[in-house]
Protein backbone atom coordinates (compact mmCIF):
# COMPACT_ATOMS: atom_id res chain seq x y z
CA MET A 1 31.78 -89.14 -38.81
CA THR A 2 30.53 -92.71 -40.47
CA HIS A 3 30.13 -95.79 -38.94
CA SER A 4 29.61 -99.30 -39.82
CA ALA A 5 26.31 -101.27 -39.28
CA SER A 6 28.00 -103.37 -37.43
CA ASP A 7 29.52 -101.02 -35.15
CA ARG A 8 26.09 -99.29 -34.69
CA ASN A 9 24.73 -102.51 -34.04
CA HIS A 10 27.79 -102.89 -31.01
CA ARG A 11 27.07 -99.60 -29.76
CA SER A 12 23.16 -100.23 -29.46
CA VAL A 13 23.77 -103.13 -27.14
CA ALA A 14 26.90 -101.11 -24.80
CA PRO A 15 26.99 -97.88 -25.24
CA ARG A 16 30.18 -95.62 -24.66
CA ILE A 17 29.06 -92.09 -23.29
CA ALA A 18 31.66 -89.83 -22.24
CA VAL A 19 30.96 -87.74 -19.06
CA ASP A 20 32.36 -84.23 -18.36
CA LEU A 21 33.31 -84.21 -15.21
CA LEU A 22 34.23 -80.18 -14.79
CA GLY A 23 30.45 -79.09 -15.92
CA GLY A 24 27.83 -77.97 -13.72
CA ASP A 25 27.27 -75.68 -10.34
CA ASP A 26 28.37 -78.32 -8.12
CA ALA A 27 31.03 -80.39 -10.21
CA PRO A 28 33.09 -82.50 -9.64
CA ALA A 29 31.04 -84.28 -6.70
CA VAL A 30 27.97 -84.32 -8.18
CA VAL A 31 28.61 -85.21 -11.68
CA VAL A 32 30.95 -88.33 -10.10
CA ASP A 33 27.98 -88.96 -8.09
CA GLY A 34 25.39 -89.19 -11.18
CA ALA A 35 27.84 -91.21 -13.30
CA LEU A 36 28.18 -94.14 -10.36
CA GLN A 37 24.65 -94.01 -10.17
CA ALA A 38 24.25 -94.99 -13.94
CA LEU A 39 26.81 -97.46 -14.28
CA THR A 40 25.65 -99.29 -11.10
CA ALA A 41 21.84 -98.82 -12.70
CA ASP A 42 23.04 -100.30 -16.39
CA PRO A 43 25.08 -103.29 -16.44
CA ASP A 44 25.88 -102.74 -20.44
CA LEU A 45 27.12 -99.10 -19.91
CA SER A 46 30.49 -97.78 -20.28
CA LEU A 47 31.42 -94.25 -19.24
CA VAL A 48 34.91 -92.24 -19.95
CA ALA A 49 34.98 -89.63 -17.03
CA VAL A 50 36.91 -86.80 -18.76
CA GLY A 51 38.29 -84.15 -16.41
CA PRO A 52 41.40 -83.68 -13.70
CA PRO A 53 43.01 -87.23 -13.01
CA SER A 54 43.00 -86.59 -9.38
CA VAL A 55 39.21 -86.45 -9.61
CA ALA A 56 38.71 -89.54 -12.19
CA ASP A 57 41.25 -91.60 -9.59
CA ALA A 58 38.89 -90.76 -6.59
CA MET A 59 35.86 -91.88 -8.71
CA VAL A 60 37.50 -95.19 -9.38
CA GLY A 61 37.92 -95.77 -5.78
CA ALA A 62 34.29 -94.90 -4.97
CA LEU A 63 33.48 -97.93 -7.56
CA PRO A 64 32.62 -101.43 -6.53
CA ALA A 65 35.33 -103.54 -7.99
CA ALA A 66 33.21 -105.37 -10.31
CA VAL A 67 32.18 -102.02 -12.10
CA ARG A 68 35.44 -100.55 -12.53
CA PRO A 69 36.22 -102.19 -15.67
CA ARG A 70 33.43 -100.22 -17.45
CA LEU A 71 34.98 -96.92 -16.35
CA SER A 72 38.01 -95.55 -18.26
CA LEU A 73 39.56 -92.13 -17.58
CA HIS A 74 40.41 -89.21 -20.21
CA ALA A 75 42.52 -86.23 -18.83
CA ALA A 76 41.56 -82.69 -19.12
CA ALA A 77 43.24 -80.28 -16.93
CA ARG A 78 40.43 -77.48 -16.71
CA GLY A 79 36.91 -76.53 -17.36
CA VAL A 80 35.27 -73.57 -19.25
CA ALA A 81 34.56 -70.67 -16.53
CA MET A 82 31.25 -68.67 -16.95
CA SER A 83 33.67 -65.18 -18.05
CA GLU A 84 35.38 -67.21 -20.52
CA SER A 85 34.22 -67.16 -24.51
CA ALA A 86 31.57 -69.85 -25.68
CA ARG A 87 34.03 -71.00 -28.34
CA ARG A 88 36.50 -72.42 -25.51
CA GLY A 89 34.12 -75.49 -25.84
CA ALA A 90 36.06 -76.69 -28.72
CA ASP A 91 39.16 -76.26 -26.54
CA ARG A 92 40.82 -79.81 -26.32
CA GLY A 93 42.68 -78.72 -22.85
CA THR A 94 38.79 -78.16 -21.60
CA SER A 95 36.71 -81.08 -20.19
CA ILE A 96 33.80 -80.40 -22.70
CA GLY A 97 36.41 -80.01 -25.51
CA ALA A 98 38.37 -83.31 -24.62
CA ALA A 99 34.84 -85.02 -24.69
CA MET A 100 33.78 -83.48 -28.06
CA ALA A 101 36.95 -84.51 -29.63
CA LEU A 102 36.30 -87.83 -28.21
CA CYS A 103 32.73 -88.35 -29.77
CA ALA A 104 34.11 -86.55 -32.65
CA SER A 105 36.84 -89.79 -32.80
CA GLY A 106 34.69 -92.33 -32.78
CA GLU A 107 36.21 -93.22 -29.28
CA VAL A 108 32.37 -92.66 -27.74
CA ASP A 109 28.97 -92.37 -28.56
CA ALA A 110 27.78 -89.70 -26.58
CA VAL A 111 28.66 -86.61 -24.70
CA VAL A 112 26.96 -85.34 -21.61
CA SER A 113 27.68 -82.52 -19.80
CA ALA A 114 25.87 -80.11 -17.09
CA GLY A 115 28.00 -77.25 -18.29
CA ALA A 116 27.06 -73.74 -19.58
CA SER A 117 24.73 -74.47 -22.61
CA GLY A 118 26.37 -71.72 -24.86
CA VAL A 119 30.41 -73.36 -24.10
CA ILE A 120 28.50 -77.37 -25.06
CA VAL A 121 26.49 -76.40 -28.29
CA ALA A 122 29.43 -73.86 -29.65
CA GLY A 123 31.70 -76.94 -28.60
CA ALA A 124 29.35 -79.27 -30.41
CA VAL A 125 29.62 -77.50 -33.43
CA MET A 126 32.70 -76.37 -33.70
CA THR A 127 34.06 -80.09 -33.06
CA LEU A 128 31.38 -81.93 -34.80
CA GLY A 129 29.73 -79.92 -37.23
CA ARG A 130 26.07 -79.52 -38.25
CA MET A 131 23.40 -82.28 -39.73
CA PRO A 132 22.55 -81.09 -43.51
CA GLY A 133 20.05 -78.49 -43.78
CA ILE A 134 20.59 -77.70 -40.34
CA ARG A 135 21.49 -73.89 -39.76
CA ARG A 136 21.57 -73.58 -35.84
CA PRO A 137 21.02 -76.87 -33.67
CA ALA A 138 18.27 -77.15 -30.85
CA LEU A 139 18.44 -77.94 -27.66
CA THR A 140 15.09 -80.43 -27.50
CA ALA A 141 13.27 -81.27 -23.88
CA ILE A 142 10.75 -83.88 -23.12
CA LEU A 143 7.98 -82.41 -20.57
CA ARG A 144 5.56 -84.47 -19.17
CA GLY A 145 2.27 -82.39 -19.31
CA VAL A 146 -1.34 -83.12 -18.07
CA ALA A 147 -2.26 -84.73 -21.21
CA GLY A 148 0.71 -86.45 -21.93
CA PRO A 149 4.33 -85.97 -22.69
CA LEU A 150 5.43 -82.53 -24.50
CA VAL A 151 8.34 -81.72 -26.68
CA LEU A 152 9.79 -78.26 -26.10
CA LEU A 153 12.66 -76.75 -28.08
CA ASP A 154 14.80 -74.60 -28.60
CA VAL A 155 15.34 -74.27 -24.63
CA GLY A 156 18.80 -72.59 -24.72
CA ALA A 157 20.94 -73.11 -27.79
CA GLY A 158 19.63 -70.48 -30.35
CA MET A 159 18.90 -67.08 -29.29
CA GLN A 160 19.13 -65.17 -32.00
CA VAL A 161 17.10 -67.37 -34.96
CA SER A 162 15.15 -66.73 -38.21
CA PRO A 163 11.88 -68.10 -39.22
CA THR A 164 13.77 -70.54 -41.07
CA ASP A 165 15.20 -71.95 -38.02
CA LEU A 166 11.95 -72.36 -36.41
CA THR A 167 10.79 -74.24 -39.11
CA GLY A 168 13.34 -76.88 -39.09
CA HIS A 169 13.45 -77.00 -35.42
CA ALA A 170 9.52 -78.18 -35.82
CA SER A 171 10.33 -80.86 -38.22
CA LEU A 172 13.47 -81.96 -36.18
CA GLY A 173 10.95 -81.63 -32.80
CA ALA A 174 8.29 -83.74 -34.71
CA ALA A 175 10.44 -86.40 -35.74
CA TYR A 176 11.91 -86.48 -31.93
CA ALA A 177 8.16 -86.95 -30.53
CA GLU A 178 7.84 -89.76 -32.75
CA LEU A 179 10.64 -91.32 -32.40
CA VAL A 180 11.61 -91.25 -28.59
CA ALA A 181 8.02 -89.81 -27.07
CA ALA A 182 6.23 -92.31 -29.23
CA VAL A 183 3.78 -89.46 -30.42
CA GLU A 184 2.23 -91.37 -33.10
CA GLN A 185 0.84 -88.01 -34.84
CA PRO A 186 2.59 -84.78 -33.60
CA ARG A 187 0.46 -82.09 -33.51
CA VAL A 188 3.41 -78.31 -33.93
CA GLY A 189 2.30 -75.51 -31.97
CA LEU A 190 4.37 -72.22 -32.40
CA LEU A 191 4.75 -70.19 -29.02
CA SER A 192 3.29 -66.73 -28.81
CA VAL A 193 1.53 -64.60 -26.68
CA GLY A 194 -2.10 -65.78 -28.27
CA THR A 195 -3.80 -68.11 -30.55
CA GLU A 196 -5.13 -65.65 -32.93
CA PRO A 197 -3.22 -65.27 -36.28
CA GLY A 198 -1.60 -62.62 -36.22
CA LYS A 199 -0.03 -62.28 -32.55
CA GLY A 200 3.25 -62.11 -31.69
CA ASP A 201 6.14 -60.02 -32.40
CA ARG A 202 7.96 -60.33 -36.37
CA LEU A 203 9.30 -63.62 -35.88
CA ARG A 204 6.80 -65.16 -34.54
CA ARG A 205 4.48 -63.82 -37.25
CA ALA A 206 6.86 -64.65 -40.20
CA ALA A 207 7.43 -68.36 -38.83
CA ASP A 208 3.35 -68.97 -38.29
CA ALA A 209 3.12 -68.58 -42.01
CA ALA A 210 6.27 -70.23 -42.69
CA LEU A 211 4.87 -73.47 -40.76
CA ARG A 212 1.70 -72.81 -42.23
CA GLY A 213 2.96 -73.91 -45.80
CA HIS A 214 5.72 -76.38 -44.39
CA THR A 215 5.25 -80.15 -45.30
CA PHE A 216 6.45 -82.28 -42.39
CA PRO A 217 8.31 -85.40 -42.96
CA GLY A 218 6.32 -88.28 -41.46
CA ARG A 219 2.50 -87.96 -40.12
CA ALA A 220 2.98 -83.97 -38.15
CA THR A 221 0.80 -81.58 -38.58
CA TYR A 222 0.65 -77.53 -37.56
CA VAL A 223 -2.05 -76.26 -35.27
CA GLY A 224 -1.09 -73.19 -35.24
CA LEU A 225 0.19 -70.78 -32.46
CA VAL A 226 -0.01 -71.66 -28.54
CA GLU A 227 0.09 -70.00 -25.23
CA GLY A 228 2.68 -71.03 -22.14
CA HIS A 229 -0.31 -73.00 -20.41
CA ASP A 230 -0.39 -75.26 -23.17
CA VAL A 231 2.93 -76.33 -22.33
CA VAL A 232 2.06 -77.26 -19.07
CA ILE A 233 -1.73 -78.83 -19.66
CA GLY A 234 -1.14 -79.66 -23.27
CA GLY A 235 -3.58 -81.24 -25.16
CA ARG A 236 -3.62 -78.96 -27.94
CA ALA A 237 0.34 -79.67 -29.03
CA ASP A 238 2.64 -82.22 -28.67
CA VAL A 239 5.49 -80.23 -29.97
CA VAL A 240 6.07 -76.60 -28.96
CA VAL A 241 8.68 -74.45 -30.69
CA THR A 242 10.09 -71.34 -29.85
CA ASP A 243 13.82 -69.52 -30.03
CA GLY A 244 16.10 -70.71 -27.32
CA PHE A 245 15.90 -67.28 -25.19
CA THR A 246 12.27 -67.85 -24.24
CA GLY A 247 12.32 -71.91 -24.47
CA ASN A 248 14.94 -71.47 -21.84
CA VAL A 249 13.09 -69.21 -19.64
CA LEU A 250 9.89 -71.08 -20.19
CA LEU A 251 11.60 -74.22 -19.02
CA LYS A 252 13.18 -72.85 -16.01
CA ALA A 253 9.82 -72.01 -14.92
CA VAL A 254 8.14 -74.94 -15.41
CA GLU A 255 10.54 -77.23 -13.44
CA ALA A 256 10.33 -74.92 -10.67
CA ALA A 257 6.68 -75.09 -10.53
CA LEU A 258 6.93 -78.50 -11.13
CA THR A 259 9.07 -79.07 -8.17
CA ILE A 260 6.72 -77.12 -6.23
CA ALA A 261 3.74 -78.96 -7.08
CA SER A 262 5.44 -82.43 -6.19
CA ALA A 263 2.39 -84.56 -5.42
CA ALA A 264 0.93 -84.12 -8.52
CA TYR A 265 4.49 -84.00 -10.12
CA PRO A 266 6.94 -86.19 -8.85
CA PRO A 267 10.23 -84.33 -8.69
CA THR A 268 11.93 -87.75 -10.38
CA VAL A 269 9.81 -86.66 -13.73
CA VAL A 270 11.26 -82.71 -13.55
CA PRO A 271 12.88 -82.56 -16.72
CA ARG A 272 16.78 -82.00 -16.23
CA ALA A 273 18.33 -83.28 -18.93
CA ALA A 274 18.11 -81.89 -23.33
CA VAL A 275 18.97 -83.59 -26.12
CA LEU A 276 21.00 -81.01 -28.98
CA LEU A 277 19.44 -82.00 -32.20
CA GLY A 278 21.13 -81.08 -35.71
CA VAL A 279 24.76 -82.39 -34.70
CA PRO A 280 26.02 -85.67 -36.12
CA ALA A 281 26.29 -87.01 -32.87
CA THR A 282 24.45 -87.72 -29.32
CA VAL A 283 24.86 -84.77 -27.03
CA VAL A 284 22.79 -84.42 -23.96
CA VAL A 285 22.76 -81.20 -21.67
CA CYS A 286 21.31 -81.58 -18.18
CA HIS A 287 20.66 -78.66 -15.86
CA GLY A 288 23.66 -76.96 -14.24
CA ALA A 289 22.00 -77.07 -10.96
CA ALA A 290 21.89 -80.94 -11.24
CA THR A 291 21.76 -83.46 -8.76
CA GLY A 292 23.25 -86.82 -9.05
CA ALA A 293 20.24 -88.42 -9.92
CA ASP A 294 19.19 -85.81 -12.64
CA LEU A 295 23.10 -86.75 -14.29
CA ALA A 296 22.12 -90.16 -14.01
CA SER A 297 19.27 -89.84 -15.83
CA GLY A 298 20.93 -87.32 -18.50
CA ILE A 299 23.28 -90.07 -18.91
CA THR A 300 20.73 -92.80 -19.18
CA LEU A 301 18.85 -90.64 -21.93
CA ALA A 302 22.08 -90.34 -23.80
CA ALA A 303 22.41 -94.15 -23.61
CA GLN A 304 18.87 -94.98 -24.97
CA LEU A 305 19.54 -92.37 -27.97
CA VAL A 306 22.60 -94.50 -29.07
CA ARG A 307 20.85 -98.18 -28.13
CA THR A 308 17.73 -96.89 -30.39
CA ASN A 309 19.74 -95.30 -33.16
CA LEU A 310 18.17 -91.91 -32.92
CA LEU A 311 20.90 -90.21 -35.45
CA ASP A 312 19.87 -92.62 -38.18
CA ARG A 313 16.63 -92.72 -37.72
CA LEU A 314 16.54 -88.82 -37.76
CA MET A 315 18.27 -88.47 -41.56
CA PRO A 316 14.77 -89.13 -43.02
CA THR A 317 13.72 -85.64 -41.79
CA VAL A 318 17.40 -84.02 -41.97
CA VAL A 319 17.72 -84.68 -46.18
CA THR A 320 14.18 -83.13 -46.88
CA LEU A 321 15.15 -80.14 -44.87
CA ALA A 322 18.46 -79.68 -46.90
CA GLU A 323 16.35 -80.47 -50.04
CA VAL A 324 14.20 -77.93 -49.33
CA GLY A 325 16.84 -75.27 -48.33
CA SER A 326 18.82 -76.04 -51.33
């Protein structure tokens, strides 16, 4: 999918985002709520609601008249059940598949869904493809640690990964930290059970060795192994890399802990959205148990990434990874 510079400049002012009405534990009500919040808060935002016409019509009816022109509808009869194959995420008869198809054709600039992460990732990869040099995309979240923002990846896209995958994710995460979290010289750590060399399982030991010899694009550096508490406290690393299984478990534990400790970390900063890095489009995944405010923040994140041309700015990193892998 290619677009001219003028197209990108137009979208940077008024992003157009497809929202999956049937994704999430409490869909469609919570998705409708989040979409309405996002439209109200951002006067330059346009949304395409993807789902059953009856739900979308009710959504239009709830909007103030002045906002309605910025919402359009795209019919999709059904979602993807948890019992179904993740490959149904590319089925254009489903809400997530139809949303991905709109993105692939250039009719929207981004997709936001709170559906099952495996379904969203499969739909994105099968419909949009991968960026050069990327074998497995990574779901990437920004946490608000004590020492500042921390980028954590992968948080759910790839359960079975290789040292090469983790090395690529480290470069993507470092670039994301610099471009989105404003970290000038990202320090990258690999999550393990201890900080001493040789700690961890076979994957962690091999990835640690690979990262020690890896040349990062930009000003990022590898600081070695880090532990779970480093993700919460920060200080040692600005980017923490792990596999999708471990990262998803850790993210949910951190979310719960931050919610409980709401006096120190207000609920508004608990992470509920992650971007899928490694596909040639902006795809944002919200937590399945997301609230309306969480969905609105996910839509806001997608709009921010479109406006800042994240995909174009990631290309030097992606090209470097492709050259190393060739």
